[in-house]
Amino acid sequence: MDVSSVAELVMGKFGDGVLEINEFRGEYSILVSCDIAHDCLKYLHDELNFEYLVLISALDFGVDKDPRFQVVYQLRSLLHKLQLRIKTNISENQEIESITDIYKSATWDERETYDMFGIIFRNHPDLRRVLMPEDWTGYPLRKDYPLKGRPEDDVYLDKHLPLGQLKKPRHVRAPFNLAQK
């Protein structure tokens, strides 16, 4: 079995739910509809032996794009020595089904993706911040998050610094415009 035959099997099983198949230097990416993403990943895990979830991450295309986000799942089949990327596009306030019922290791990656992008994984057993403090506002990897941080972030950090640590400004305050192109 090779990755191209896996892509054909996925296309045959899910038909119109498969939006695009890309191959670049022997690596395959399959863009699937958000509606079938969970079923596709379950099929790859249960039937085609893609038993190892390498990572889950996301891309932010910007506030003026719809769909705004792309969720990316990197899978590996240790049995067949294959690697495959599954991608799905979602809008800003759209939720996506959690895959923690398929891959137990997805718990941490989904929490990280939620923490950095604000993407909500429906039916996740413990969806909360993992990298940022619980009371942090905003999502740092979104394109509309200020590049130099927000002024209130310095106040937050000053309040939570360990005793005796020097409080230096992280950057000089200057007006800036975040024009997205």
N, C-alpha and C. Protein backbone atom coordinates (compact mmCIF):
# COMPACT_ATOMS: atom_id res chain seq x y z
N MET A 1 0.84 -1.18 0.00
CA MET A 1 0.00 0.00 0.00
C MET A 1 0.89 1.24 0.00
N ASP A 2 0.51 2.22 -0.81
CA ASP A 2 1.21 3.50 -0.82
C ASP A 2 0.20 4.62 -0.56
N VAL A 3 0.69 5.84 -0.41
CA VAL A 3 -0.17 6.96 -0.02
C VAL A 3 -1.17 7.30 -1.12
N SER A 4 -0.79 7.15 -2.38
CA SER A 4 -1.73 7.47 -3.46
C SER A 4 -2.92 6.51 -3.43
N SER A 5 -2.68 5.24 -3.12
CA SER A 5 -3.80 4.30 -3.02
C SER A 5 -4.67 4.61 -1.81
N VAL A 6 -4.08 5.09 -0.72
CA VAL A 6 -4.86 5.52 0.44
C VAL A 6 -5.75 6.69 0.05
N ALA A 7 -5.21 7.66 -0.68
CA ALA A 7 -5.99 8.81 -1.13
C ALA A 7 -7.15 8.37 -2.02
N GLU A 8 -6.92 7.39 -2.89
CA GLU A 8 -7.99 6.86 -3.74
C GLU A 8 -9.06 6.17 -2.91
N LEU A 9 -8.66 5.41 -1.89
CA LEU A 9 -9.62 4.75 -1.01
C LEU A 9 -10.48 5.76 -0.26
N VAL A 10 -9.86 6.83 0.23
CA VAL A 10 -10.59 7.88 0.93
C VAL A 10 -11.56 8.56 -0.03
N MET A 11 -11.12 8.84 -1.25
CA MET A 11 -11.98 9.45 -2.26
C MET A 11 -13.16 8.54 -2.60
N GLY A 12 -12.88 7.24 -2.73
CA GLY A 12 -13.95 6.29 -3.02
C GLY A 12 -14.95 6.17 -1.88
N LYS A 13 -14.50 6.24 -0.66
CA LYS A 13 -15.38 6.09 0.51
C LYS A 13 -16.21 7.34 0.77
N PHE A 14 -15.62 8.53 0.61
CA PHE A 14 -16.31 9.76 1.01
C PHE A 14 -16.74 10.64 -0.15
N GLY A 15 -16.36 10.32 -1.38
CA GLY A 15 -16.85 11.01 -2.58
C GLY A 15 -16.78 12.51 -2.53
N ASP A 16 -17.96 13.16 -2.53
CA ASP A 16 -18.03 14.62 -2.58
C ASP A 16 -17.50 15.30 -1.31
N GLY A 17 -17.36 14.55 -0.23
CA GLY A 17 -16.81 15.11 1.00
C GLY A 17 -15.32 15.41 0.89
N VAL A 18 -14.66 14.76 -0.09
CA VAL A 18 -13.24 15.04 -0.35
C VAL A 18 -13.19 16.20 -1.34
N LEU A 19 -12.68 17.33 -0.90
CA LEU A 19 -12.68 18.54 -1.72
C LEU A 19 -11.45 18.65 -2.60
N GLU A 20 -10.32 18.10 -2.14
CA GLU A 20 -9.08 18.27 -2.89
C GLU A 20 -8.03 17.28 -2.39
N ILE A 21 -7.25 16.76 -3.32
CA ILE A 21 -6.11 15.91 -2.96
C ILE A 21 -4.87 16.54 -3.60
N ASN A 22 -3.87 16.83 -2.78
CA ASN A 22 -2.63 17.42 -3.26
C ASN A 22 -1.46 16.50 -2.98
N GLU A 23 -0.54 16.45 -3.92
CA GLU A 23 0.70 15.70 -3.73
C GLU A 23 1.85 16.66 -3.98
N PHE A 24 2.79 16.70 -3.06
CA PHE A 24 3.98 17.53 -3.22
C PHE A 24 5.16 16.74 -2.67
N ARG A 25 6.09 16.42 -3.55
CA ARG A 25 7.30 15.67 -3.19
C ARG A 25 6.99 14.38 -2.43
N GLY A 26 5.96 13.70 -2.90
CA GLY A 26 5.62 12.41 -2.32
C GLY A 26 4.76 12.47 -1.07
N GLU A 27 4.44 13.67 -0.59
CA GLU A 27 3.57 13.82 0.57
C GLU A 27 2.18 14.22 0.11
N TYR A 28 1.17 13.55 0.67
CA TYR A 28 -0.21 13.79 0.27
C TYR A 28 -0.97 14.55 1.34
N SER A 29 -1.78 15.50 0.89
CA SER A 29 -2.70 16.25 1.74
C SER A 29 -4.09 16.08 1.16
N ILE A 30 -5.04 15.77 2.02
CA ILE A 30 -6.42 15.61 1.58
C ILE A 30 -7.26 16.65 2.31
N LEU A 31 -7.90 17.53 1.55
CA LEU A 31 -8.81 18.53 2.11
C LEU A 31 -10.20 17.93 2.10
N VAL A 32 -10.80 17.82 3.30
CA VAL A 32 -12.13 17.22 3.41
C VAL A 32 -13.10 18.24 3.99
N SER A 33 -14.37 18.01 3.75
CA SER A 33 -15.42 18.83 4.32
C SER A 33 -15.42 18.66 5.84
N CYS A 34 -15.76 19.72 6.55
CA CYS A 34 -15.80 19.66 8.02
C CYS A 34 -16.81 18.61 8.50
N ASP A 35 -17.85 18.39 7.71
CA ASP A 35 -18.90 17.43 8.09
C ASP A 35 -18.38 16.00 8.16
N ILE A 36 -17.41 15.67 7.34
CA ILE A 36 -16.93 14.28 7.30
C ILE A 36 -15.55 14.11 7.91
N ALA A 37 -14.97 15.16 8.45
CA ALA A 37 -13.59 15.09 8.96
C ALA A 37 -13.46 14.01 10.03
N HIS A 38 -14.37 13.96 10.98
CA HIS A 38 -14.31 12.96 12.05
C HIS A 38 -14.44 11.55 11.47
N ASP A 39 -15.40 11.35 10.58
CA ASP A 39 -15.60 10.02 9.97
C ASP A 39 -14.40 9.60 9.14
N CYS A 40 -13.81 10.55 8.44
CA CYS A 40 -12.63 10.26 7.61
C CYS A 40 -11.45 9.84 8.49
N LEU A 41 -11.23 10.55 9.58
CA LEU A 41 -10.14 10.21 10.48
C LEU A 41 -10.39 8.86 11.17
N LYS A 42 -11.63 8.56 11.48
CA LYS A 42 -11.97 7.27 12.08
C LYS A 42 -11.71 6.14 11.08
N TYR A 43 -12.08 6.37 9.82
CA TYR A 43 -11.84 5.39 8.77
C TYR A 43 -10.35 5.14 8.58
N LEU A 44 -9.57 6.23 8.55
CA LEU A 44 -8.12 6.09 8.39
C LEU A 44 -7.51 5.33 9.57
N HIS A 45 -7.99 5.58 10.76
CA HIS A 45 -7.47 4.91 11.96
C HIS A 45 -7.89 3.44 12.00
N ASP A 46 -9.18 3.19 11.84
CA ASP A 46 -9.71 1.84 12.04
C ASP A 46 -9.47 0.90 10.86
N GLU A 47 -9.63 1.40 9.66
CA GLU A 47 -9.57 0.54 8.47
C GLU A 47 -8.21 0.54 7.77
N LEU A 48 -7.53 1.70 7.78
CA LEU A 48 -6.29 1.81 7.00
C LEU A 48 -5.04 1.90 7.87
N ASN A 49 -5.19 1.68 9.16
CA ASN A 49 -4.06 1.58 10.10
C ASN A 49 -3.22 2.84 10.24
N PHE A 50 -3.84 4.01 10.17
CA PHE A 50 -3.14 5.25 10.51
C PHE A 50 -3.34 5.46 12.01
N GLU A 51 -2.56 4.71 12.78
CA GLU A 51 -2.78 4.63 14.22
C GLU A 51 -2.05 5.70 15.02
N TYR A 52 -1.23 6.50 14.38
CA TYR A 52 -0.41 7.47 15.11
C TYR A 52 -0.77 8.89 14.67
N LEU A 53 -1.28 9.68 15.60
CA LEU A 53 -1.56 11.09 15.35
C LEU A 53 -0.30 11.88 15.70
N VAL A 54 0.33 12.45 14.70
CA VAL A 54 1.57 13.21 14.92
C VAL A 54 1.25 14.56 15.54
N LEU A 55 0.29 15.28 14.97
CA LEU A 55 -0.05 16.60 15.49
C LEU A 55 -1.39 17.06 14.97
N ILE A 56 -1.94 18.02 15.67
CA ILE A 56 -3.09 18.80 15.21
C ILE A 56 -2.67 20.25 15.32
N SER A 57 -2.92 21.01 14.27
CA SER A 57 -2.63 22.44 14.33
C SER A 57 -3.66 23.16 13.48
N ALA A 58 -3.45 24.43 13.28
CA ALA A 58 -4.40 25.22 12.49
C ALA A 58 -3.67 26.34 11.77
N LEU A 59 -4.35 26.90 10.79
CA LEU A 59 -3.89 28.07 10.05
C LEU A 59 -4.99 29.13 10.14
N ASP A 60 -4.60 30.37 10.26
CA ASP A 60 -5.54 31.48 10.23
C ASP A 60 -5.30 32.23 8.93
N PHE A 61 -6.31 32.26 8.07
CA PHE A 61 -6.16 32.94 6.78
C PHE A 61 -6.44 34.43 6.88
N GLY A 62 -6.94 34.90 8.02
CA GLY A 62 -7.21 36.32 8.21
C GLY A 62 -8.68 36.59 8.42
N VAL A 63 -8.97 37.75 9.02
CA VAL A 63 -10.34 38.07 9.40
C VAL A 63 -11.27 38.28 8.21
N ASP A 64 -10.72 38.65 7.07
CA ASP A 64 -11.57 38.93 5.90
C ASP A 64 -11.79 37.69 5.03
N LYS A 65 -11.27 36.55 5.42
CA LYS A 65 -11.44 35.32 4.63
C LYS A 65 -12.53 34.46 5.24
N ASP A 66 -13.25 33.75 4.39
CA ASP A 66 -14.22 32.78 4.87
C ASP A 66 -14.13 31.55 3.99
N PRO A 67 -13.82 30.40 4.50
CA PRO A 67 -13.59 30.11 5.91
C PRO A 67 -12.27 30.69 6.39
N ARG A 68 -12.27 31.08 7.66
CA ARG A 68 -11.10 31.75 8.23
C ARG A 68 -9.98 30.79 8.61
N PHE A 69 -10.34 29.60 9.13
CA PHE A 69 -9.34 28.68 9.66
C PHE A 69 -9.26 27.39 8.87
N GLN A 70 -8.11 26.77 8.95
CA GLN A 70 -7.92 25.42 8.43
C GLN A 70 -7.30 24.59 9.56
N VAL A 71 -7.97 23.50 9.92
CA VAL A 71 -7.45 22.60 10.93
C VAL A 71 -6.70 21.49 10.21
N VAL A 72 -5.50 21.18 10.69
CA VAL A 72 -4.61 20.23 10.02
C VAL A 72 -4.30 19.07 10.97
N TYR A 73 -4.49 17.84 10.45
CA TYR A 73 -4.16 16.63 11.20
C TYR A 73 -3.05 15.90 10.45
N GLN A 74 -1.94 15.66 11.10
CA GLN A 74 -0.83 14.91 10.51
C GLN A 74 -0.88 13.50 11.07
N LEU A 75 -1.03 12.51 10.20
CA LEU A 75 -1.17 11.11 10.61
C LEU A 75 -0.02 10.28 10.09
N ARG A 76 0.24 9.19 10.79
CA ARG A 76 1.28 8.27 10.35
C ARG A 76 0.80 6.83 10.55
N SER A 77 1.10 6.00 9.57
CA SER A 77 0.86 4.56 9.69
C SER A 77 2.22 3.90 9.91
N LEU A 78 2.42 3.39 11.11
CA LEU A 78 3.68 2.72 11.40
C LEU A 78 3.76 1.38 10.68
N LEU A 79 2.61 0.73 10.51
CA LEU A 79 2.56 -0.57 9.84
C LEU A 79 2.99 -0.45 8.38
N HIS A 80 2.44 0.55 7.69
CA HIS A 80 2.72 0.72 6.26
C HIS A 80 3.83 1.73 5.98
N LYS A 81 4.34 2.38 7.02
CA LYS A 81 5.39 3.40 6.88
C LYS A 81 4.95 4.53 5.95
N LEU A 82 3.73 5.04 6.23
CA LEU A 82 3.15 6.11 5.41
C LEU A 82 2.81 7.30 6.29
N GLN A 83 2.76 8.46 5.65
CA GLN A 83 2.39 9.69 6.33
C GLN A 83 1.34 10.40 5.49
N LEU A 84 0.35 11.00 6.14
CA LEU A 84 -0.76 11.63 5.42
C LEU A 84 -1.24 12.84 6.22
N ARG A 85 -1.62 13.88 5.51
CA ARG A 85 -2.13 15.10 6.13
C ARG A 85 -3.59 15.26 5.73
N ILE A 86 -4.46 15.41 6.74
CA ILE A 86 -5.88 15.67 6.51
C ILE A 86 -6.15 17.11 6.94
N LYS A 87 -6.83 17.87 6.07
CA LYS A 87 -7.12 19.27 6.37
C LYS A 87 -8.61 19.51 6.21
N THR A 88 -9.14 20.42 7.01
CA THR A 88 -10.53 20.83 6.86
C THR A 88 -10.65 22.31 7.18
N ASN A 89 -11.50 23.00 6.44
CA ASN A 89 -11.70 24.44 6.63
C ASN A 89 -12.92 24.69 7.49
N ILE A 90 -12.81 25.67 8.41
CA ILE A 90 -13.94 26.05 9.24
C ILE A 90 -14.03 27.57 9.35
N SER A 91 -15.24 28.05 9.54
CA SER A 91 -15.47 29.48 9.71
C SER A 91 -15.12 29.89 11.14
N GLU A 92 -15.14 31.19 11.40
CA GLU A 92 -14.66 31.71 12.69
C GLU A 92 -15.43 31.16 13.88
N ASN A 93 -16.73 31.13 13.84
CA ASN A 93 -17.51 30.69 15.00
C ASN A 93 -18.02 29.26 14.87
N GLN A 94 -17.48 28.52 13.92
CA GLN A 94 -17.90 27.15 13.70
C GLN A 94 -17.11 26.20 14.61
N GLU A 95 -17.79 25.21 15.14
CA GLU A 95 -17.13 24.20 15.97
C GLU A 95 -16.78 23.00 15.10
N ILE A 96 -15.78 22.24 15.54
CA ILE A 96 -15.38 21.03 14.84
C ILE A 96 -15.40 19.88 15.85
N GLU A 97 -15.75 18.70 15.38
CA GLU A 97 -15.87 17.54 16.26
C GLU A 97 -14.49 17.11 16.77
N SER A 98 -14.41 16.85 18.06
CA SER A 98 -13.16 16.37 18.67
C SER A 98 -12.87 14.95 18.19
N ILE A 99 -11.59 14.62 18.08
CA ILE A 99 -11.22 13.25 17.70
C ILE A 99 -10.57 12.51 18.86
N THR A 100 -10.83 12.97 20.09
CA THR A 100 -10.25 12.29 21.25
C THR A 100 -10.81 10.88 21.43
N ASP A 101 -11.97 10.61 20.82
CA ASP A 101 -12.50 9.24 20.88
C ASP A 101 -11.75 8.30 19.94
N ILE A 102 -11.03 8.86 18.98
CA ILE A 102 -10.25 8.05 18.02
C ILE A 102 -8.79 7.98 18.47
N TYR A 103 -8.22 9.15 18.71
CA TYR A 103 -6.82 9.26 19.14
C TYR A 103 -6.80 9.89 20.53
N LYS A 104 -6.40 9.16 21.53
CA LYS A 104 -6.35 9.69 22.90
C LYS A 104 -5.36 10.84 23.02
N SER A 105 -4.30 10.81 22.22
CA SER A 105 -3.28 11.88 22.28
C SER A 105 -3.79 13.20 21.72
N ALA A 106 -4.96 13.20 21.08
CA ALA A 106 -5.51 14.44 20.52
C ALA A 106 -5.93 15.42 21.60
N THR A 107 -6.10 14.95 22.83
CA THR A 107 -6.55 15.80 23.92
C THR A 107 -5.66 17.04 24.06
N TRP A 108 -4.37 16.80 24.13
CA TRP A 108 -3.42 17.90 24.33
C TRP A 108 -3.36 18.82 23.11
N ASP A 109 -3.27 18.24 21.91
CA ASP A 109 -3.18 19.05 20.70
C ASP A 109 -4.43 19.90 20.47
N GLU A 110 -5.60 19.34 20.76
CA GLU A 110 -6.83 20.12 20.60
C GLU A 110 -6.89 21.26 21.61
N ARG A 111 -6.43 21.01 22.82
CA ARG A 111 -6.39 22.09 23.82
C ARG A 111 -5.43 23.19 23.38
N GLU A 112 -4.29 22.82 22.84
CA GLU A 112 -3.32 23.80 22.37
C GLU A 112 -3.88 24.61 21.20
N THR A 113 -4.55 23.95 20.28
CA THR A 113 -5.15 24.64 19.13
C THR A 113 -6.25 25.59 19.60
N TYR A 114 -7.03 25.14 20.57
CA TYR A 114 -8.06 26.03 21.15
C TYR A 114 -7.39 27.24 21.81
N ASP A 115 -6.34 27.01 22.57
CA ASP A 115 -5.66 28.06 23.32
C ASP A 115 -5.03 29.10 22.40
N MET A 116 -4.47 28.68 21.31
CA MET A 116 -3.75 29.60 20.43
C MET A 116 -4.65 30.24 19.35
N PHE A 117 -5.69 29.51 18.89
CA PHE A 117 -6.53 30.01 17.80
C PHE A 117 -7.99 30.26 18.20
N GLY A 118 -8.44 29.68 19.31
CA GLY A 118 -9.84 29.84 19.71
C GLY A 118 -10.79 28.91 18.98
N ILE A 119 -10.28 27.86 18.37
CA ILE A 119 -11.14 26.90 17.66
C ILE A 119 -11.73 25.95 18.70
N ILE A 120 -13.05 25.81 18.67
CA ILE A 120 -13.75 24.98 19.66
C ILE A 120 -13.92 23.57 19.11
N PHE A 121 -13.47 22.60 19.90
CA PHE A 121 -13.61 21.18 19.55
C PHE A 121 -14.79 20.62 20.34
N ARG A 122 -15.88 20.34 19.63
CA ARG A 122 -17.10 19.83 20.24
C ARG A 122 -16.86 18.44 20.83
N ASN A 123 -17.40 18.18 22.01
CA ASN A 123 -17.28 16.89 22.72
C ASN A 123 -15.87 16.60 23.23
N HIS A 124 -15.05 17.62 23.38
CA HIS A 124 -13.72 17.43 23.97
C HIS A 124 -13.90 17.23 25.48
N PRO A 125 -13.21 16.27 26.08
CA PRO A 125 -13.43 15.99 27.51
C PRO A 125 -12.95 17.09 28.46
N ASP A 126 -12.01 17.94 28.05
CA ASP A 126 -11.47 18.94 28.97
C ASP A 126 -10.90 20.12 28.17
N LEU A 127 -11.76 20.82 27.46
CA LEU A 127 -11.29 21.91 26.60
C LEU A 127 -11.10 23.18 27.43
N ARG A 128 -9.84 23.46 27.76
CA ARG A 128 -9.47 24.67 28.49
C ARG A 128 -8.06 25.06 28.08
N ARG A 129 -7.67 26.25 28.48
CA ARG A 129 -6.33 26.73 28.11
C ARG A 129 -5.25 25.83 28.69
N VAL A 130 -4.16 25.69 27.91
CA VAL A 130 -3.06 24.85 28.35
C VAL A 130 -1.74 25.61 28.35
N LEU A 131 -1.59 26.61 27.50
CA LEU A 131 -0.34 27.38 27.43
C LEU A 131 -0.48 28.77 28.07
N MET A 132 -1.61 29.39 27.86
CA MET A 132 -1.86 30.73 28.39
C MET A 132 -2.61 30.60 29.72
N PRO A 133 -2.51 31.61 30.59
CA PRO A 133 -3.28 31.57 31.84
C PRO A 133 -4.78 31.50 31.57
N GLU A 134 -5.53 30.90 32.48
CA GLU A 134 -6.97 30.70 32.31
C GLU A 134 -7.72 32.01 32.05
N ASP A 135 -7.31 33.11 32.69
CA ASP A 135 -8.04 34.36 32.55
C ASP A 135 -7.50 35.25 31.43
N TRP A 136 -6.66 34.71 30.56
CA TRP A 136 -6.10 35.47 29.43
C TRP A 136 -7.20 35.72 28.41
N THR A 137 -7.19 36.90 27.81
CA THR A 137 -8.18 37.19 26.77
C THR A 137 -7.47 37.22 25.42
N GLY A 138 -8.11 36.69 24.41
CA GLY A 138 -7.56 36.67 23.07
C GLY A 138 -6.83 35.37 22.77
N TYR A 139 -6.46 35.23 21.50
CA TYR A 139 -5.80 34.01 21.01
C TYR A 139 -4.56 34.42 20.22
N PRO A 140 -3.36 34.16 20.75
CA PRO A 140 -2.12 34.75 20.23
C PRO A 140 -1.73 34.39 18.80
N LEU A 141 -2.20 33.28 18.24
CA LEU A 141 -1.78 32.95 16.87
C LEU A 141 -2.79 33.38 15.81
N ARG A 142 -3.80 34.12 16.22
CA ARG A 142 -4.73 34.68 15.23
C ARG A 142 -4.09 35.89 14.57
N LYS A 143 -4.43 36.10 13.33
CA LYS A 143 -3.83 37.22 12.60
C LYS A 143 -4.28 38.58 13.11
N ASP A 144 -5.40 38.64 13.82
CA ASP A 144 -5.86 39.92 14.34
C ASP A 144 -5.31 40.21 15.74
N TYR A 145 -4.45 39.34 16.27
CA TYR A 145 -3.82 39.58 17.56
C TYR A 145 -2.61 40.49 17.32
N PRO A 146 -2.45 41.56 18.11
CA PRO A 146 -1.35 42.50 17.87
C PRO A 146 0.03 41.84 17.92
N LEU A 147 0.87 42.19 16.99
CA LEU A 147 2.19 41.57 16.89
C LEU A 147 3.07 41.84 18.11
N LYS A 148 2.94 43.01 18.70
CA LYS A 148 3.76 43.35 19.87
C LYS A 148 3.02 43.09 21.17
N GLY A 149 1.91 42.39 21.11
CA GLY A 149 1.11 42.19 22.31
C GLY A 149 0.23 43.39 22.58
N ARG A 150 -0.59 43.29 23.57
CA ARG A 150 -1.49 44.38 23.92
C ARG A 150 -0.95 45.09 25.17
N PRO A 151 -1.22 46.39 25.33
CA PRO A 151 -0.73 47.10 26.51
C PRO A 151 -1.19 46.45 27.82
N GLU A 152 -2.40 45.91 27.85
CA GLU A 152 -2.89 45.29 29.08
C GLU A 152 -2.14 43.99 29.40
N ASP A 153 -1.46 43.39 28.40
CA ASP A 153 -0.68 42.19 28.66
C ASP A 153 0.48 42.49 29.61
N ASP A 154 1.13 43.65 29.46
CA ASP A 154 2.23 44.03 30.34
C ASP A 154 1.73 44.18 31.78
N VAL A 155 0.55 44.77 31.95
CA VAL A 155 -0.02 44.93 33.28
C VAL A 155 -0.29 43.56 33.87
N TYR A 156 -0.83 42.65 33.07
CA TYR A 156 -1.11 41.29 33.54
C TYR A 156 0.18 40.59 33.97
N LEU A 157 1.21 40.70 33.14
CA LEU A 157 2.47 40.03 33.44
C LEU A 157 3.13 40.64 34.68
N ASP A 158 3.07 41.97 34.84
CA ASP A 158 3.63 42.60 36.03
C ASP A 158 2.97 42.08 37.30
N LYS A 159 1.68 41.87 37.24
CA LYS A 159 0.92 41.40 38.40
C LYS A 159 1.29 39.96 38.77
N HIS A 160 1.71 39.16 37.77
CA HIS A 160 1.96 37.74 38.00
C HIS A 160 3.44 37.35 37.99
N LEU A 161 4.34 38.34 37.96
CA LEU A 161 5.77 38.01 37.99
C LEU A 161 6.18 37.49 39.37
N PRO A 162 7.12 36.56 39.41
CA PRO A 162 7.62 36.11 40.72
C PRO A 162 8.29 37.26 41.47
N LEU A 163 8.28 37.20 42.79
CA LEU A 163 8.89 38.25 43.59
C LEU A 163 10.38 38.39 43.27
N GLY A 164 10.85 39.60 43.18
CA GLY A 164 12.25 39.86 42.94
C GLY A 164 12.66 39.89 41.48
N GLN A 165 11.76 39.52 40.57
CA GLN A 165 12.12 39.54 39.15
C GLN A 165 12.03 40.99 38.65
N LEU A 166 13.01 41.40 37.87
CA LEU A 166 13.02 42.76 37.34
C LEU A 166 11.86 42.96 36.39
N LYS A 167 11.23 44.10 36.51
CA LYS A 167 10.11 44.42 35.64
C LYS A 167 10.59 45.39 34.57
N LYS A 168 10.93 44.86 33.43
CA LYS A 168 11.38 45.69 32.32
C LYS A 168 10.27 45.72 31.28
N PRO A 169 10.08 46.85 30.62
CA PRO A 169 9.08 46.87 29.55
C PRO A 169 9.52 45.94 28.42
N ARG A 170 8.58 45.19 27.89
CA ARG A 170 8.91 44.25 26.82
C ARG A 170 9.19 44.96 25.51
N HIS A 171 8.58 46.11 25.33
CA HIS A 171 8.81 46.86 24.09
C HIS A 171 8.38 48.31 24.32
N VAL A 172 8.81 49.17 23.43
CA VAL A 172 8.48 50.58 23.51
C VAL A 172 7.09 50.77 22.92
N ARG A 173 6.28 51.54 23.62
CA ARG A 173 4.93 51.80 23.13
C ARG A 173 4.98 52.81 21.98
N ALA A 174 4.45 52.42 20.86
CA ALA A 174 4.35 53.31 19.72
C ALA A 174 3.09 52.92 18.97
N PRO A 175 2.39 53.91 18.43
CA PRO A 175 1.18 53.55 17.68
C PRO A 175 1.55 52.69 16.47
N PHE A 176 0.72 51.72 16.19
CA PHE A 176 0.96 50.89 15.01
C PHE A 176 -0.37 50.47 14.42
N ASN A 177 -0.35 50.18 13.15
CA ASN A 177 -1.55 49.79 12.41
C ASN A 177 -1.37 48.37 11.93
N LEU A 178 -2.35 47.54 12.16
CA LEU A 178 -2.28 46.14 11.73
C LEU A 178 -3.13 45.92 10.49
N ALA A 179 -2.72 46.51 9.41
CA ALA A 179 -3.45 46.33 8.16
C ALA A 179 -3.23 44.93 7.63
N GLN A 180 -4.29 44.19 7.38
CA GLN A 180 -4.21 42.82 6.83
C GLN A 180 -4.37 42.88 5.33
N LYS A 181 -3.55 42.14 4.63
CA LYS A 181 -3.67 42.11 3.16
C LYS A 181 -3.94 40.72 2.72
